[in-house]
């Protein structure tokens, strides 16, 4: 049986400061480092065949800590910008609460959670899905069909795009989907690639 762990990076410095991060390469906060270590502890008993991550350091560092905790640092790791967080455009670096005061809570929620509405000069979740899903289909799914155990360390929105596909969520359902930092989400598949189960560890 193939197993896939989706892991959003630990809390970043800008998560802590409640800022829109996007493609800005922000490090983990001290809490984020601890979340990554705890994720590794939750994954004890898993033997990963390979790992995939974005090119951003907060995801890379989370993956490094997890694999180090498990004593599995030598597995193959692929990094690709297809798994990057969505690009938040003009919102990057802005405080979320201040942005909500300026534009209204409802507008900011639409920018953050909707499927196909872009923030100014940024990407929508649909845009993110259009790079993350083909990468998953081409580069990751073939290994799952071989029965491998894989971990993807990525970001709130690149993982939301994957979960939307795996769980067959509607545009309305994905609006309420939030993936917490540092919480391993396990999917199990049959030999045809059909999802059998999923749960947070």
N, C-alpha and C. Protein backbone atom coordinates (compact mmCIF):
# COMPACT_ATOMS: atom_id res chain seq x y z
N UNK A 1 0.84 -1.20 0.00
CA UNK A 1 0.00 0.00 0.00
C UNK A 1 0.87 1.25 0.00
N UNK A 2 0.59 2.16 -0.90
CA UNK A 2 1.35 3.41 -0.98
C UNK A 2 0.88 4.37 0.09
N UNK A 3 1.84 5.13 0.61
CA UNK A 3 1.50 6.13 1.63
C UNK A 3 2.16 7.46 1.26
N UNK A 4 1.41 8.53 1.45
CA UNK A 4 1.88 9.88 1.16
C UNK A 4 1.64 10.75 2.37
N UNK A 5 2.70 11.40 2.85
CA UNK A 5 2.56 12.36 3.95
C UNK A 5 2.71 13.77 3.37
N UNK A 6 1.70 14.60 3.60
CA UNK A 6 1.76 16.01 3.25
C UNK A 6 2.09 16.78 4.52
N UNK A 7 3.10 17.63 4.45
CA UNK A 7 3.52 18.37 5.64
C UNK A 7 3.73 19.84 5.30
N UNK A 8 2.88 20.68 5.86
CA UNK A 8 3.12 22.12 5.74
C UNK A 8 4.29 22.46 6.66
N UNK A 9 5.18 23.32 6.17
CA UNK A 9 6.35 23.71 6.97
C UNK A 9 5.94 24.20 8.36
N UNK A 10 6.88 24.16 9.30
CA UNK A 10 6.64 24.73 10.61
C UNK A 10 6.43 26.24 10.52
N UNK A 11 5.97 26.80 11.60
CA UNK A 11 5.70 28.25 11.64
C UNK A 11 6.93 29.03 11.17
N UNK A 12 6.71 29.95 10.22
CA UNK A 12 7.81 30.81 9.77
C UNK A 12 7.81 32.11 10.57
N UNK A 13 8.88 32.88 10.41
CA UNK A 13 8.96 34.15 11.12
C UNK A 13 7.80 35.07 10.73
N UNK A 14 7.40 35.02 9.47
CA UNK A 14 6.29 35.88 9.04
C UNK A 14 4.93 35.31 9.40
N UNK A 15 4.81 33.98 9.55
CA UNK A 15 3.57 33.44 10.14
C UNK A 15 3.41 34.03 11.54
N UNK A 16 4.51 34.02 12.29
CA UNK A 16 4.51 34.55 13.65
C UNK A 16 4.10 36.02 13.66
N UNK A 17 4.59 36.77 12.68
CA UNK A 17 4.30 38.21 12.60
C UNK A 17 2.99 38.51 11.86
N UNK A 18 2.27 37.43 11.47
CA UNK A 18 0.96 37.55 10.80
C UNK A 18 1.07 38.32 9.48
N UNK A 19 2.13 38.02 8.71
CA UNK A 19 2.32 38.67 7.42
C UNK A 19 2.03 37.70 6.28
N UNK A 20 1.63 38.25 5.12
CA UNK A 20 1.55 37.46 3.89
C UNK A 20 2.98 37.16 3.43
N UNK A 21 3.28 35.88 3.22
CA UNK A 21 4.66 35.49 2.91
C UNK A 21 4.86 35.21 1.42
N UNK A 22 4.06 34.28 0.88
CA UNK A 22 4.20 33.97 -0.54
C UNK A 22 5.57 33.45 -0.90
N UNK A 23 6.19 34.07 -1.91
CA UNK A 23 7.49 33.59 -2.39
C UNK A 23 8.68 34.21 -1.66
N UNK A 24 8.42 35.08 -0.68
CA UNK A 24 9.54 35.65 0.08
C UNK A 24 10.16 34.52 0.91
N UNK A 25 11.49 34.42 0.88
CA UNK A 25 12.16 33.28 1.51
C UNK A 25 12.45 33.59 2.98
N UNK A 26 11.47 33.29 3.82
CA UNK A 26 11.51 33.63 5.25
C UNK A 26 11.87 32.38 6.04
N UNK A 27 12.74 32.50 7.06
CA UNK A 27 13.13 31.31 7.83
C UNK A 27 12.05 30.87 8.81
N UNK A 28 12.23 29.66 9.35
CA UNK A 28 11.36 29.18 10.42
C UNK A 28 11.56 30.01 11.68
N UNK A 29 10.50 30.16 12.46
CA UNK A 29 10.61 30.75 13.80
C UNK A 29 11.11 29.66 14.75
N UNK A 30 11.52 30.02 15.97
CA UNK A 30 11.89 28.98 16.95
C UNK A 30 10.75 27.97 17.16
N UNK A 31 9.50 28.45 17.19
CA UNK A 31 8.36 27.53 17.31
C UNK A 31 8.27 26.62 16.10
N UNK A 32 8.55 27.16 14.91
CA UNK A 32 8.50 26.37 13.68
C UNK A 32 9.53 25.25 13.67
N UNK A 33 10.71 25.54 14.20
CA UNK A 33 11.76 24.52 14.32
C UNK A 33 11.27 23.39 15.23
N UNK A 34 10.63 23.76 16.34
CA UNK A 34 10.10 22.76 17.27
C UNK A 34 8.94 21.98 16.65
N UNK A 35 8.08 22.67 15.86
CA UNK A 35 6.99 21.96 15.17
C UNK A 35 7.54 20.93 14.20
N UNK A 36 8.62 21.26 13.51
CA UNK A 36 9.24 20.32 12.57
C UNK A 36 9.78 19.10 13.33
N UNK A 37 10.42 19.36 14.47
CA UNK A 37 10.96 18.26 15.27
C UNK A 37 9.83 17.35 15.77
N UNK A 38 8.74 17.97 16.21
CA UNK A 38 7.59 17.18 16.69
C UNK A 38 6.94 16.38 15.56
N UNK A 39 6.92 16.98 14.35
CA UNK A 39 6.40 16.24 13.19
C UNK A 39 7.24 15.00 12.94
N UNK A 40 8.57 15.15 13.07
CA UNK A 40 9.46 13.99 12.93
C UNK A 40 9.13 12.91 13.95
N UNK A 41 8.86 13.32 15.18
CA UNK A 41 8.51 12.35 16.23
C UNK A 41 7.21 11.62 15.88
N UNK A 42 6.23 12.37 15.35
CA UNK A 42 4.95 11.75 14.98
C UNK A 42 5.12 10.75 13.83
N UNK A 43 6.19 10.91 13.05
CA UNK A 43 6.40 10.05 11.88
C UNK A 43 7.34 8.88 12.18
N UNK A 44 7.68 8.70 13.45
CA UNK A 44 8.50 7.53 13.80
C UNK A 44 7.76 6.26 13.39
N UNK A 45 8.47 5.33 12.80
CA UNK A 45 7.84 4.11 12.29
C UNK A 45 7.64 4.15 10.79
N UNK A 46 7.71 5.36 10.20
CA UNK A 46 7.64 5.49 8.74
C UNK A 46 9.04 5.38 8.15
N UNK A 47 9.16 4.66 7.05
CA UNK A 47 10.41 4.64 6.29
C UNK A 47 10.09 5.21 4.92
N UNK A 48 10.62 6.41 4.66
CA UNK A 48 10.32 7.09 3.40
C UNK A 48 11.27 6.65 2.30
N UNK A 49 10.72 6.47 1.10
CA UNK A 49 11.52 6.13 -0.06
C UNK A 49 12.13 7.36 -0.72
N UNK A 50 11.38 8.47 -0.66
CA UNK A 50 11.88 9.72 -1.26
C UNK A 50 11.05 10.88 -0.73
N UNK A 51 11.56 12.10 -0.96
CA UNK A 51 10.90 13.31 -0.47
C UNK A 51 10.86 14.35 -1.57
N UNK A 52 9.85 15.21 -1.50
CA UNK A 52 9.69 16.33 -2.43
C UNK A 52 9.42 17.59 -1.62
N UNK A 53 9.97 18.71 -2.09
CA UNK A 53 9.77 19.97 -1.38
C UNK A 53 9.86 21.13 -2.37
N UNK A 54 9.49 22.31 -1.90
CA UNK A 54 9.60 23.51 -2.72
C UNK A 54 11.06 23.98 -2.72
N UNK A 55 11.31 25.13 -3.31
CA UNK A 55 12.67 25.68 -3.28
C UNK A 55 12.83 26.69 -2.15
N UNK A 56 11.81 26.86 -1.32
CA UNK A 56 11.85 27.86 -0.25
C UNK A 56 12.38 27.25 1.05
N UNK A 57 13.21 28.03 1.75
CA UNK A 57 13.98 27.47 2.86
C UNK A 57 13.10 26.98 4.02
N UNK A 58 11.94 27.59 4.24
CA UNK A 58 11.12 27.15 5.38
C UNK A 58 10.61 25.72 5.18
N UNK A 59 10.33 25.35 3.93
CA UNK A 59 9.93 23.96 3.65
C UNK A 59 11.14 23.03 3.66
N UNK A 60 12.25 23.50 3.08
CA UNK A 60 13.49 22.69 3.05
C UNK A 60 13.96 22.37 4.46
N UNK A 61 13.94 23.39 5.33
CA UNK A 61 14.42 23.22 6.70
C UNK A 61 13.49 22.29 7.49
N UNK A 62 12.20 22.43 7.28
CA UNK A 62 11.25 21.53 7.94
C UNK A 62 11.53 20.08 7.54
N UNK A 63 11.71 19.85 6.26
CA UNK A 63 12.01 18.50 5.77
C UNK A 63 13.33 17.99 6.35
N UNK A 64 14.33 18.85 6.37
CA UNK A 64 15.65 18.43 6.90
C UNK A 64 15.52 17.97 8.35
N UNK A 65 14.81 18.75 9.17
CA UNK A 65 14.66 18.43 10.59
C UNK A 65 13.89 17.12 10.76
N UNK A 66 12.82 16.94 9.97
CA UNK A 66 12.02 15.71 10.05
C UNK A 66 12.88 14.49 9.71
N UNK A 67 13.60 14.56 8.60
CA UNK A 67 14.40 13.41 8.17
C UNK A 67 15.56 13.14 9.12
N UNK A 68 16.12 14.22 9.67
CA UNK A 68 17.20 14.07 10.66
C UNK A 68 16.66 13.38 11.91
N UNK A 69 15.47 13.80 12.35
CA UNK A 69 14.84 13.19 13.53
C UNK A 69 14.62 11.70 13.31
N UNK A 70 14.28 11.34 12.07
CA UNK A 70 14.00 9.94 11.73
C UNK A 70 15.26 9.15 11.37
N UNK A 71 16.41 9.84 11.23
CA UNK A 71 17.62 9.15 10.79
C UNK A 71 17.54 8.72 9.33
N UNK A 72 16.82 9.53 8.50
CA UNK A 72 16.63 9.17 7.09
C UNK A 72 17.11 10.28 6.14
N UNK A 73 18.14 10.99 6.53
CA UNK A 73 18.62 12.14 5.74
C UNK A 73 19.16 11.77 4.37
N UNK A 74 19.46 10.48 4.14
CA UNK A 74 20.11 10.08 2.89
C UNK A 74 19.14 9.75 1.75
N UNK A 75 17.82 9.86 2.00
CA UNK A 75 16.87 9.50 0.93
C UNK A 75 16.91 10.55 -0.19
N UNK A 76 16.49 10.19 -1.43
CA UNK A 76 16.45 11.16 -2.52
C UNK A 76 15.45 12.29 -2.22
N UNK A 77 15.89 13.54 -2.47
CA UNK A 77 15.04 14.72 -2.25
C UNK A 77 15.00 15.53 -3.53
N UNK A 78 13.79 15.82 -4.00
CA UNK A 78 13.59 16.67 -5.18
C UNK A 78 13.02 18.00 -4.74
N UNK A 79 13.66 19.09 -5.19
CA UNK A 79 13.15 20.44 -4.90
C UNK A 79 12.64 21.06 -6.19
N UNK A 80 11.45 21.66 -6.14
CA UNK A 80 10.90 22.29 -7.34
C UNK A 80 9.99 23.45 -6.98
N UNK A 81 10.09 24.53 -7.74
CA UNK A 81 9.26 25.71 -7.46
C UNK A 81 7.78 25.45 -7.74
N UNK A 82 7.46 24.35 -8.43
CA UNK A 82 6.05 23.98 -8.63
C UNK A 82 5.34 23.78 -7.30
N UNK A 83 6.09 23.43 -6.26
CA UNK A 83 5.51 23.21 -4.93
C UNK A 83 5.58 24.44 -4.04
N UNK A 84 6.08 25.57 -4.58
CA UNK A 84 6.15 26.81 -3.79
C UNK A 84 4.78 27.25 -3.31
N UNK A 85 4.80 28.06 -2.27
CA UNK A 85 3.58 28.75 -1.83
C UNK A 85 3.03 29.58 -2.98
N UNK A 86 1.75 29.91 -2.93
CA UNK A 86 1.22 30.81 -3.96
C UNK A 86 1.88 32.18 -3.80
N UNK A 87 2.04 32.86 -4.90
CA UNK A 87 2.67 34.18 -4.89
C UNK A 87 1.59 35.21 -4.55
N UNK A 88 1.81 35.94 -3.45
CA UNK A 88 0.78 36.85 -2.95
C UNK A 88 0.87 38.26 -3.53
N UNK A 89 1.78 38.49 -4.47
CA UNK A 89 1.83 39.77 -5.17
C UNK A 89 2.02 40.95 -4.24
N UNK A 90 1.17 41.96 -4.40
CA UNK A 90 1.32 43.20 -3.63
C UNK A 90 1.06 43.02 -2.13
N UNK A 91 0.48 41.87 -1.75
CA UNK A 91 0.21 41.63 -0.32
C UNK A 91 1.43 41.09 0.41
N UNK A 92 2.44 40.60 -0.31
CA UNK A 92 3.60 39.98 0.34
C UNK A 92 4.28 40.96 1.29
N UNK A 93 4.49 40.51 2.52
CA UNK A 93 5.12 41.35 3.53
C UNK A 93 4.15 42.17 4.36
N UNK A 94 2.88 42.28 3.91
CA UNK A 94 1.90 43.08 4.65
C UNK A 94 1.32 42.28 5.81
N UNK A 95 1.02 42.98 6.90
CA UNK A 95 0.37 42.37 8.05
C UNK A 95 -1.09 42.05 7.69
N UNK A 96 -1.53 40.83 7.99
CA UNK A 96 -2.87 40.40 7.59
C UNK A 96 -3.98 41.21 8.27
N UNK A 97 -3.78 41.52 9.55
CA UNK A 97 -4.80 42.29 10.27
C UNK A 97 -4.91 43.70 9.70
N UNK A 98 -3.77 44.33 9.41
CA UNK A 98 -3.80 45.68 8.83
C UNK A 98 -4.42 45.65 7.43
N UNK A 99 -4.12 44.60 6.67
CA UNK A 99 -4.70 44.46 5.32
C UNK A 99 -6.21 44.30 5.42
N UNK A 100 -6.68 43.55 6.44
CA UNK A 100 -8.13 43.38 6.64
C UNK A 100 -8.80 44.70 7.01
N UNK A 101 -8.11 45.53 7.80
CA UNK A 101 -8.67 46.86 8.14
C UNK A 101 -8.80 47.72 6.89
N UNK A 102 -7.82 47.61 6.01
CA UNK A 102 -7.80 48.45 4.80
C UNK A 102 -8.84 47.99 3.78
N UNK A 103 -8.92 46.67 3.53
CA UNK A 103 -9.77 46.14 2.46
C UNK A 103 -11.05 45.46 2.95
N UNK A 104 -11.11 45.18 4.27
CA UNK A 104 -12.26 44.46 4.83
C UNK A 104 -11.96 42.98 5.00
N UNK A 105 -12.48 42.40 6.07
CA UNK A 105 -12.25 40.97 6.38
C UNK A 105 -12.71 40.06 5.25
N UNK A 106 -13.88 40.39 4.68
CA UNK A 106 -14.45 39.51 3.65
C UNK A 106 -13.55 39.46 2.41
N UNK A 107 -13.02 40.62 2.00
CA UNK A 107 -12.15 40.65 0.82
C UNK A 107 -10.86 39.88 1.07
N UNK A 108 -10.29 40.06 2.25
CA UNK A 108 -9.03 39.37 2.57
C UNK A 108 -9.26 37.86 2.65
N UNK A 109 -10.40 37.44 3.19
CA UNK A 109 -10.70 36.00 3.22
C UNK A 109 -10.80 35.45 1.80
N UNK A 110 -11.44 36.20 0.90
CA UNK A 110 -11.55 35.77 -0.50
C UNK A 110 -10.15 35.63 -1.12
N UNK A 111 -9.29 36.63 -0.89
CA UNK A 111 -7.92 36.55 -1.43
C UNK A 111 -7.17 35.35 -0.86
N UNK A 112 -7.36 35.07 0.43
CA UNK A 112 -6.60 34.01 1.08
C UNK A 112 -7.15 32.62 0.78
N UNK A 113 -8.45 32.47 0.68
CA UNK A 113 -9.05 31.14 0.69
C UNK A 113 -9.77 30.74 -0.59
N UNK A 114 -10.17 31.70 -1.42
CA UNK A 114 -10.98 31.35 -2.59
C UNK A 114 -10.15 30.57 -3.61
N UNK A 115 -10.85 29.98 -4.57
CA UNK A 115 -10.17 29.15 -5.56
C UNK A 115 -9.58 29.97 -6.70
N UNK A 116 -10.33 30.94 -7.22
CA UNK A 116 -9.89 31.57 -8.47
C UNK A 116 -9.82 33.09 -8.44
N UNK A 117 -9.80 33.70 -7.23
CA UNK A 117 -9.64 35.15 -7.13
C UNK A 117 -8.19 35.45 -6.75
N UNK A 118 -7.52 36.26 -7.56
CA UNK A 118 -6.11 36.59 -7.32
C UNK A 118 -5.99 37.84 -6.44
N UNK A 119 -5.04 37.84 -5.49
CA UNK A 119 -4.71 39.11 -4.85
C UNK A 119 -4.02 40.01 -5.88
N UNK A 120 -3.94 41.31 -5.62
CA UNK A 120 -3.33 42.21 -6.61
C UNK A 120 -1.93 41.75 -7.03
N UNK A 121 -1.75 41.51 -8.33
CA UNK A 121 -0.46 41.08 -8.92
C UNK A 121 0.01 39.72 -8.43
N UNK A 122 -0.89 38.92 -7.84
CA UNK A 122 -0.49 37.63 -7.30
C UNK A 122 -1.17 36.46 -7.98
N UNK A 123 -1.05 35.28 -7.36
CA UNK A 123 -1.64 34.04 -7.87
C UNK A 123 -2.89 33.68 -7.08
N UNK A 124 -3.85 33.10 -7.75
CA UNK A 124 -4.99 32.47 -7.07
C UNK A 124 -4.61 31.03 -6.72
N UNK A 125 -5.48 30.38 -5.94
CA UNK A 125 -5.26 28.95 -5.66
C UNK A 125 -5.31 28.16 -6.96
N UNK A 126 -6.17 28.57 -7.89
CA UNK A 126 -6.26 27.92 -9.20
C UNK A 126 -4.92 27.98 -9.92
N UNK A 127 -4.27 29.16 -9.89
CA UNK A 127 -2.94 29.31 -10.52
C UNK A 127 -1.93 28.37 -9.86
N UNK A 128 -1.98 28.31 -8.53
CA UNK A 128 -1.06 27.44 -7.79
C UNK A 128 -1.30 25.98 -8.17
N UNK A 129 -2.58 25.59 -8.28
CA UNK A 129 -2.94 24.22 -8.65
C UNK A 129 -2.43 23.89 -10.06
N UNK A 130 -2.44 24.89 -10.94
CA UNK A 130 -2.04 24.64 -12.33
C UNK A 130 -0.54 24.37 -12.47
N UNK A 131 0.24 24.67 -11.45
CA UNK A 131 1.65 24.25 -11.48
C UNK A 131 1.92 23.06 -10.56
N UNK A 132 1.21 23.02 -9.41
CA UNK A 132 1.47 21.94 -8.44
C UNK A 132 0.90 20.60 -8.89
N UNK A 133 -0.30 20.59 -9.46
CA UNK A 133 -0.94 19.31 -9.81
C UNK A 133 -0.25 18.59 -10.97
N UNK A 134 0.13 19.28 -12.07
CA UNK A 134 0.88 18.57 -13.12
C UNK A 134 2.21 18.00 -12.60
N UNK A 135 2.87 18.75 -11.71
CA UNK A 135 4.12 18.26 -11.11
C UNK A 135 3.84 16.98 -10.30
N UNK A 136 2.78 17.01 -9.50
CA UNK A 136 2.40 15.83 -8.71
C UNK A 136 2.12 14.64 -9.62
N UNK A 137 1.33 14.86 -10.67
CA UNK A 137 0.95 13.77 -11.58
C UNK A 137 2.17 13.17 -12.28
N UNK A 138 3.09 14.03 -12.70
CA UNK A 138 4.24 13.57 -13.48
C UNK A 138 5.38 13.04 -12.61
N UNK A 139 5.67 13.73 -11.50
CA UNK A 139 6.90 13.46 -10.75
C UNK A 139 6.69 12.65 -9.46
N UNK A 140 5.48 12.67 -8.90
CA UNK A 140 5.25 12.05 -7.59
C UNK A 140 4.34 10.83 -7.69
N UNK A 141 3.22 10.97 -8.38
CA UNK A 141 2.24 9.88 -8.45
C UNK A 141 2.82 8.56 -8.99
N UNK A 142 3.71 8.60 -10.00
CA UNK A 142 4.27 7.31 -10.47
C UNK A 142 4.94 6.50 -9.36
N UNK A 143 5.57 7.17 -8.40
CA UNK A 143 6.19 6.45 -7.28
C UNK A 143 5.13 5.87 -6.35
N UNK A 144 4.02 6.59 -6.17
CA UNK A 144 2.93 6.06 -5.35
C UNK A 144 2.33 4.82 -6.00
N UNK A 145 2.23 4.84 -7.33
CA UNK A 145 1.68 3.68 -8.03
C UNK A 145 2.60 2.46 -7.93
N UNK A 146 3.87 2.71 -7.59
CA UNK A 146 4.80 1.60 -7.33
C UNK A 146 4.72 1.12 -5.89
N UNK A 147 3.90 1.81 -5.07
CA UNK A 147 3.74 1.39 -3.67
C UNK A 147 4.71 2.05 -2.71
N UNK A 148 5.36 3.14 -3.13
CA UNK A 148 6.35 3.78 -2.26
C UNK A 148 5.69 4.63 -1.17
N UNK A 149 6.51 4.97 -0.18
CA UNK A 149 6.11 5.86 0.91
C UNK A 149 6.84 7.17 0.73
N UNK A 150 6.10 8.26 0.60
CA UNK A 150 6.65 9.55 0.16
C UNK A 150 6.21 10.65 1.11
N UNK A 151 7.08 11.65 1.30
CA UNK A 151 6.73 12.84 2.06
C UNK A 151 6.90 14.07 1.17
N UNK A 152 5.93 14.97 1.22
CA UNK A 152 6.01 16.27 0.55
C UNK A 152 5.99 17.34 1.64
N UNK A 153 7.05 18.11 1.73
CA UNK A 153 7.10 19.26 2.65
C UNK A 153 6.92 20.52 1.81
N UNK A 154 5.80 21.20 2.03
CA UNK A 154 5.50 22.34 1.17
C UNK A 154 4.76 23.42 1.97
N UNK A 155 3.72 24.00 1.38
CA UNK A 155 3.13 25.23 1.90
C UNK A 155 1.61 25.14 1.96
N UNK A 156 1.02 26.06 2.72
CA UNK A 156 -0.43 26.04 2.91
C UNK A 156 -1.21 25.91 1.63
N UNK A 157 -0.86 26.70 0.61
CA UNK A 157 -1.68 26.71 -0.59
C UNK A 157 -1.28 25.67 -1.63
N UNK A 158 0.00 25.35 -1.77
CA UNK A 158 0.34 24.26 -2.69
C UNK A 158 -0.23 22.95 -2.16
N UNK A 159 -0.27 22.79 -0.83
CA UNK A 159 -0.87 21.58 -0.26
C UNK A 159 -2.40 21.63 -0.31
N UNK A 160 -3.00 22.81 -0.17
CA UNK A 160 -4.45 22.92 -0.33
C UNK A 160 -4.86 22.47 -1.75
N UNK A 161 -4.06 22.86 -2.74
CA UNK A 161 -4.34 22.45 -4.12
C UNK A 161 -4.31 20.93 -4.26
N UNK A 162 -3.32 20.30 -3.63
CA UNK A 162 -3.22 18.84 -3.67
C UNK A 162 -4.38 18.18 -2.94
N UNK A 163 -4.70 18.68 -1.74
CA UNK A 163 -5.80 18.11 -0.96
C UNK A 163 -7.13 18.28 -1.69
N UNK A 164 -7.30 19.43 -2.34
CA UNK A 164 -8.53 19.66 -3.12
C UNK A 164 -8.70 18.56 -4.17
N UNK A 165 -7.60 18.21 -4.82
CA UNK A 165 -7.62 17.16 -5.85
C UNK A 165 -7.82 15.78 -5.22
N UNK A 166 -7.05 15.46 -4.19
CA UNK A 166 -7.12 14.13 -3.58
C UNK A 166 -8.48 13.86 -2.93
N UNK A 167 -9.06 14.90 -2.31
CA UNK A 167 -10.34 14.75 -1.61
C UNK A 167 -11.54 15.13 -2.49
N UNK A 168 -11.24 15.56 -3.74
CA UNK A 168 -12.30 15.96 -4.67
C UNK A 168 -13.21 17.02 -4.05
N UNK A 169 -12.59 18.08 -3.52
CA UNK A 169 -13.34 19.17 -2.90
C UNK A 169 -13.84 20.14 -3.97
N UNK A 170 -14.97 20.75 -3.71
CA UNK A 170 -15.50 21.78 -4.61
C UNK A 170 -14.82 23.12 -4.31
N UNK A 171 -15.03 24.10 -5.19
CA UNK A 171 -14.49 25.45 -4.97
C UNK A 171 -15.03 26.04 -3.68
N UNK A 172 -16.26 25.68 -3.32
CA UNK A 172 -16.88 26.19 -2.09
C UNK A 172 -16.26 25.50 -0.87
N UNK A 173 -16.04 24.20 -0.96
CA UNK A 173 -15.48 23.46 0.18
C UNK A 173 -14.04 23.88 0.46
N UNK A 174 -13.28 24.17 -0.59
CA UNK A 174 -11.87 24.52 -0.38
C UNK A 174 -11.73 25.87 0.32
N UNK A 175 -12.76 26.69 0.26
CA UNK A 175 -12.75 27.99 0.93
C UNK A 175 -12.53 27.83 2.43
N UNK A 176 -13.04 26.74 3.00
CA UNK A 176 -12.93 26.50 4.45
C UNK A 176 -11.73 25.63 4.82
N UNK A 177 -10.95 25.21 3.83
CA UNK A 177 -9.83 24.31 4.10
C UNK A 177 -8.60 25.09 4.58
N UNK A 178 -8.13 24.74 5.75
CA UNK A 178 -6.91 25.34 6.29
C UNK A 178 -6.00 24.19 6.73
N UNK A 179 -4.76 24.22 6.30
CA UNK A 179 -3.80 23.17 6.68
C UNK A 179 -2.85 23.74 7.73
N UNK A 180 -2.84 23.17 8.93
CA UNK A 180 -2.00 23.73 9.99
C UNK A 180 -0.51 23.48 9.76
N UNK A 181 0.32 24.34 10.34
CA UNK A 181 1.77 24.18 10.22
C UNK A 181 2.23 22.97 11.04
N UNK A 182 3.19 22.23 10.47
CA UNK A 182 3.86 21.17 11.21
C UNK A 182 3.02 19.96 11.56
N UNK A 183 1.87 19.77 10.89
CA UNK A 183 0.98 18.65 11.23
C UNK A 183 0.96 17.65 10.08
N UNK A 184 1.60 16.48 10.23
CA UNK A 184 1.63 15.51 9.13
C UNK A 184 0.24 14.98 8.78
N UNK A 185 -0.09 15.03 7.49
CA UNK A 185 -1.37 14.55 6.97
C UNK A 185 -1.08 13.32 6.11
N UNK A 186 -1.57 12.16 6.55
CA UNK A 186 -1.26 10.89 5.90
C UNK A 186 -2.38 10.47 4.96
N UNK A 187 -2.02 10.15 3.71
CA UNK A 187 -2.93 9.53 2.74
C UNK A 187 -2.44 8.12 2.45
N UNK A 188 -3.39 7.19 2.36
CA UNK A 188 -3.07 5.81 1.96
C UNK A 188 -3.84 5.50 0.68
N UNK A 189 -3.16 4.80 -0.24
CA UNK A 189 -3.71 4.53 -1.57
C UNK A 189 -3.70 3.04 -1.86
N UNK A 190 -4.66 2.61 -2.70
CA UNK A 190 -4.59 1.24 -3.21
C UNK A 190 -3.66 1.22 -4.44
N UNK A 191 -3.50 0.03 -5.04
CA UNK A 191 -2.52 -0.11 -6.13
C UNK A 191 -2.92 0.67 -7.39
N UNK A 192 -4.20 1.06 -7.49
CA UNK A 192 -4.64 1.84 -8.66
C UNK A 192 -4.47 3.35 -8.44
N UNK A 193 -4.06 3.73 -7.23
CA UNK A 193 -3.89 5.15 -6.93
C UNK A 193 -5.11 5.78 -6.29
N UNK A 194 -6.13 4.98 -5.96
CA UNK A 194 -7.33 5.50 -5.31
C UNK A 194 -7.05 5.74 -3.83
N UNK A 195 -7.53 6.88 -3.31
CA UNK A 195 -7.35 7.19 -1.88
C UNK A 195 -8.21 6.25 -1.05
N UNK A 196 -7.58 5.55 -0.12
CA UNK A 196 -8.30 4.66 0.80
C UNK A 196 -8.68 5.38 2.09
N UNK A 197 -7.76 6.23 2.57
CA UNK A 197 -8.00 6.93 3.83
C UNK A 197 -7.06 8.13 3.93
N UNK A 198 -7.44 9.05 4.79
CA UNK A 198 -6.53 10.14 5.12
C UNK A 198 -6.82 10.63 6.53
N UNK A 199 -5.76 11.03 7.22
CA UNK A 199 -5.93 11.52 8.59
C UNK A 199 -4.66 12.27 9.03
N UNK A 200 -4.84 13.18 9.96
CA UNK A 200 -3.69 13.83 10.58
C UNK A 200 -3.10 12.90 11.64
N UNK A 201 -1.79 12.87 11.71
CA UNK A 201 -1.10 12.02 12.68
C UNK A 201 -0.91 12.79 13.99
